[in-house]
Protein backbone atom coordinates (compact mmCIF):
# COMPACT_ATOMS: atom_id res chain seq x y z
CA MET A 1 94.95 128.36 109.79
CA SER A 2 92.10 126.79 107.46
CA GLY A 3 91.64 123.81 105.71
CA ILE A 4 93.03 120.23 106.53
CA GLU A 5 95.21 122.00 109.37
CA ASN A 6 92.19 122.36 111.71
CA LYS A 7 91.16 118.95 111.53
CA VAL A 8 92.34 115.75 113.33
CA LEU A 9 93.37 113.28 111.20
CA GLU A 10 93.21 109.63 111.07
CA PHE A 11 95.31 107.38 108.76
CA GLN A 12 95.26 103.98 108.69
CA PHE A 13 97.91 101.46 106.74
CA SER A 14 97.19 97.90 106.20
CA VAL A 15 100.53 96.31 104.19
CA GLU A 16 99.31 93.08 103.12
CA ASN A 17 102.40 91.72 101.28
CA ILE A 18 106.13 93.11 101.18
CA GLN A 19 108.95 92.31 99.08
CA PHE A 20 112.47 93.76 99.34
CA ASN A 21 115.09 93.90 96.85
CA SER A 22 118.13 92.21 98.51
CA LEU A 23 118.26 89.10 100.90
CA GLY A 24 118.30 89.77 104.70
CA HIS A 25 116.21 90.93 107.41
CA PHE A 26 113.97 93.48 107.27
CA LEU A 27 111.18 95.67 108.56
CA LEU A 28 109.19 98.30 107.71
CA LYS A 29 108.98 101.50 109.89
CA LEU A 30 106.26 104.23 109.26
CA GLN A 31 106.77 107.47 110.94
CA VAL A 32 105.20 110.76 111.23
CA VAL A 33 107.13 113.73 110.78
CA ASN A 34 106.66 117.66 111.10
CA SER A 35 109.08 119.49 109.30
CA PHE A 36 107.72 122.91 111.52
CA SER A 37 108.00 121.47 114.67
CA ASP A 38 109.85 118.71 117.00
CA ASP A 39 106.87 118.53 118.91
CA TYR A 40 105.00 115.35 118.61
CA SER A 41 102.64 115.43 121.94
CA GLY A 42 99.57 114.81 120.23
CA VAL A 43 100.72 111.97 117.74
CA ARG A 44 99.50 108.56 118.46
CA VAL A 45 99.42 105.13 117.08
CA ALA A 46 97.66 101.93 117.36
CA HIS A 47 98.74 98.72 115.80
CA GLY A 48 96.42 95.75 114.50
CA ASP A 49 92.99 95.54 115.36
CA SER A 50 93.22 96.69 119.12
CA GLY A 51 91.61 100.14 118.74
CA GLU A 52 94.14 101.25 121.90
CA PHE A 53 96.09 104.26 120.62
CA VAL A 54 99.35 105.27 122.56
CA ASN A 55 101.45 108.20 122.58
CA ASP A 56 103.93 107.84 119.84
CA ARG A 57 104.92 108.66 116.66
CA GLN A 58 106.12 105.66 114.82
CA ALA A 59 105.44 102.09 114.35
CA THR A 60 107.41 99.05 113.06
CA THR A 61 106.28 95.83 111.66
CA ASP A 62 107.68 92.21 112.45
CA VAL A 63 111.11 91.20 110.93
CA VAL A 64 111.04 89.96 107.72
CA HIS A 65 113.45 87.46 106.35
CA GLN A 66 113.79 87.84 102.75
CA GLU A 67 115.24 84.59 101.32
CA GLU A 68 114.26 84.78 97.63
CA LEU A 69 113.99 87.88 96.08
CA LYS A 70 111.03 87.44 93.98
CA GLN A 71 109.00 86.12 96.80
CA PHE A 72 106.24 88.70 98.31
CA TYR A 73 106.21 87.82 101.94
CA ASN A 74 103.06 88.30 104.43
CA LEU A 75 103.11 90.58 107.68
CA PRO A 76 100.96 89.07 110.38
CA GLU A 77 100.60 92.58 112.42
CA SER A 78 99.89 94.53 109.18
CA LYS A 79 97.42 97.33 110.11
CA VAL A 80 98.68 100.45 112.07
CA ARG A 81 96.65 103.55 112.58
CA PHE A 82 98.13 107.37 112.97
CA LEU A 83 95.47 109.86 114.76
CA LEU A 84 97.44 113.16 114.26
CA PRO A 85 96.36 116.66 116.21
CA LYS A 86 95.62 119.90 114.34
CA GLY A 87 98.57 121.00 112.60
CA ARG A 88 101.13 120.32 109.53
CA PHE A 89 102.36 116.22 110.01
CA MET A 90 103.34 114.20 106.85
CA LEU A 91 104.17 110.55 107.14
CA ARG A 92 107.31 108.81 105.90
CA PRO A 93 108.05 105.12 105.44
CA GLN A 94 111.18 103.66 105.77
CA CYS A 95 113.12 100.28 104.91
CA LEU A 96 115.05 99.46 107.89
CA PRO A 97 117.30 96.02 108.20
CA ARG A 98 117.05 94.64 111.67
CA CYS A 99 119.53 97.43 112.94
CA CYS A 100 120.07 100.51 110.97
CA LEU A 101 118.33 102.76 108.04
CA CYS A 102 118.86 101.33 104.65
CA LYS A 103 117.95 102.85 101.12
CA LYS A 104 116.66 99.65 99.49
CA LYS A 105 113.01 99.92 97.39
CA LEU A 106 110.02 98.47 98.50
CA PHE A 107 107.38 96.62 96.32
CA PHE A 108 103.90 96.86 97.62
CA GLN A 109 100.87 94.66 96.79
């Protein structure tokens, strides 16, 4: 392997404002996906400014209650950092209602 596959990668996401295209309760889930393997043993995540990485491959935001379609909402715990080991990984954001996966459009500012 050569190039990026030989490096430990760190990604930081900070979602300041969020808006969903329907009313209801939603959260944002960021998840690391490896299309070549089911081994996520080296993936770590840190929430907020704590700097403490834990072994996990996903992070979720607090639940947002979308009351108006044209309003943006602030996320209090908006910073997420992923530490990826050497190998091939990609990040996939998903919009989730409280219990199950939905296919809603996300708007970020």
